[in-house]
Amino acid sequence: MQHKKKLIITIVIITIFLLAGCTTTQTHYPISEQEQMYNAAKKEVLTQLKAPSTATFPDYDTATYTQTTQDKNTWIIQSYVDAQNGFGAMIRSSFICKVQKLSGNYYYCNDCAII
């Protein structure tokens, strides 16, 4: 009886340690300015696609960012998107978007072309 009680206590303790090790904590990192600009461009690109739900974009750090000379709050972003066309075929299209920093950390894409 004593041996059975020790076995049960041991199993309970091991289970508690295993379950405690399964918890994860998420660390939230602030989104960089480039990622915010890229997200604004992606949002606009999605409105121009035939099948936006099929779109896949590369990571934001693969895009090209060029600050305009006339306005330090305006950037030209160049990248690409893979998405289905009107016939259902997956194609890669390049895009160029003009993104403007408004107040605070808010970015707005006011011009975008898929080429």
Protein backbone atom coordinates (compact mmCIF):
# COMPACT_ATOMS: atom_id res chain seq x y z
CA MET A 1 0.00 0.00 0.00
CA GLN A 2 2.82 2.38 0.91
CA HIS A 3 4.59 1.59 -2.41
CA LYS A 4 1.40 2.29 -4.37
CA LYS A 5 0.96 5.67 -2.64
CA LYS A 6 4.56 6.70 -3.47
CA LEU A 7 4.04 5.67 -7.09
CA ILE A 8 0.89 7.78 -7.40
CA ILE A 9 2.60 10.81 -5.83
CA THR A 10 5.56 10.39 -8.17
CA ILE A 11 3.28 10.22 -11.22
CA VAL A 12 1.39 13.34 -10.09
CA ILE A 13 4.64 15.29 -9.56
CA ILE A 14 6.03 14.24 -12.96
CA THR A 15 2.75 15.21 -14.64
CA ILE A 16 2.81 18.65 -12.99
CA PHE A 17 6.38 19.27 -14.18
CA LEU A 18 5.56 18.14 -17.69
CA LEU A 19 2.48 20.34 -17.91
CA ALA A 20 4.35 23.31 -16.48
CA GLY A 21 6.97 22.89 -19.20
CA CYS A 22 4.30 23.01 -21.91
CA THR A 23 3.27 26.59 -21.27
CA THR A 24 4.60 29.17 -23.65
CA THR A 25 4.78 32.90 -23.40
CA GLN A 26 4.62 35.10 -26.45
CA THR A 27 6.98 38.01 -26.68
CA HIS A 28 5.54 40.89 -28.64
CA TYR A 29 8.14 42.90 -30.46
CA PRO A 30 7.29 46.29 -31.87
CA ILE A 31 6.74 46.26 -35.60
CA SER A 32 9.48 48.10 -37.47
CA GLU A 33 8.70 51.10 -39.65
CA GLN A 34 9.60 49.09 -42.76
CA GLU A 35 7.16 46.34 -41.78
CA GLN A 36 4.41 48.93 -41.19
CA MET A 37 5.05 50.47 -44.61
CA TYR A 38 5.07 47.02 -46.22
CA ASN A 39 1.77 46.10 -44.55
CA ALA A 40 0.17 49.28 -45.93
CA ALA A 41 1.40 48.38 -49.42
CA LYS A 42 0.19 44.78 -49.10
CA LYS A 43 -3.25 45.97 -48.04
CA GLU A 44 -3.55 48.06 -51.20
CA VAL A 45 -2.15 45.31 -53.46
CA LEU A 46 -4.77 42.89 -52.13
CA THR A 47 -7.57 45.22 -53.27
CA GLN A 48 -6.26 45.01 -56.85
CA LEU A 49 -5.93 41.22 -57.16
CA LYS A 50 -8.49 38.93 -58.84
CA ALA A 51 -8.12 36.31 -56.08
CA PRO A 52 -6.73 38.07 -52.98
CA SER A 53 -7.27 35.03 -50.75
CA THR A 54 -4.63 33.15 -52.77
CA ALA A 55 -1.97 35.85 -52.36
CA THR A 56 1.37 35.11 -50.75
CA PHE A 57 3.93 37.84 -50.16
CA PRO A 58 7.62 37.49 -49.33
CA ASP A 59 8.91 38.77 -45.99
CA TYR A 60 8.99 42.54 -45.64
CA ASP A 61 12.77 42.63 -45.42
CA THR A 62 13.11 41.39 -49.02
CA ALA A 63 11.37 44.48 -50.43
CA THR A 64 13.17 47.57 -51.71
CA TYR A 65 12.48 50.81 -49.84
CA THR A 66 13.36 54.17 -51.39
CA GLN A 67 12.72 57.43 -49.59
CA THR A 68 11.54 60.17 -51.94
CA THR A 69 13.66 63.30 -52.20
CA GLN A 70 10.76 65.76 -52.11
CA ASP A 71 9.10 64.35 -48.96
CA LYS A 72 10.94 62.54 -46.17
CA ASN A 73 7.64 60.92 -45.07
CA THR A 74 7.02 59.24 -48.44
CA TRP A 75 8.56 55.94 -49.52
CA ILE A 76 8.47 53.87 -52.71
CA ILE A 77 8.22 50.15 -51.96
CA GLN A 78 8.95 47.49 -54.57
CA SER A 79 8.26 43.79 -54.13
CA TYR A 80 6.17 40.99 -55.58
CA VAL A 81 3.13 38.85 -54.87
CA ASP A 82 2.19 35.33 -55.94
CA ALA A 83 -1.54 34.99 -56.58
CA GLN A 84 -4.04 33.33 -58.89
CA ASN A 85 -5.05 35.21 -62.00
CA GLY A 86 -8.54 35.21 -63.50
CA PHE A 87 -7.96 31.73 -64.98
CA GLY A 88 -6.83 30.19 -61.68
CA ALA A 89 -3.13 29.98 -62.57
CA MET A 90 -0.62 31.11 -59.93
CA ILE A 91 1.49 33.96 -61.27
CA ARG A 92 4.12 36.23 -59.78
CA SER A 93 3.53 39.94 -60.23
CA SER A 94 5.76 42.81 -59.20
CA PHE A 95 4.30 45.84 -57.50
CA ILE A 96 5.40 49.39 -56.79
CA CYS A 97 3.62 51.34 -54.08
CA LYS A 98 3.92 54.85 -52.76
CA VAL A 99 3.47 54.82 -48.99
CA GLN A 100 3.20 57.91 -46.86
CA LYS A 101 3.75 58.24 -43.14
CA LEU A 102 0.91 60.23 -41.66
CA SER A 103 0.67 60.97 -37.93
CA GLY A 104 2.50 58.83 -35.40
CA ASN A 105 3.16 55.35 -36.77
CA TYR A 106 0.29 55.31 -39.25
CA TYR A 107 1.18 54.58 -42.88
CA TYR A 108 -1.08 54.97 -45.88
CA CYS A 109 -0.58 53.64 -49.41
CA ASN A 110 -1.92 56.34 -51.73
CA ASP A 111 -0.67 54.94 -55.04
CA CYS A 112 0.07 51.38 -56.10
CA ALA A 113 0.65 49.61 -59.41
CA ILE A 114 0.89 45.88 -60.08
CA ILE A 115 3.14 45.33 -63.08
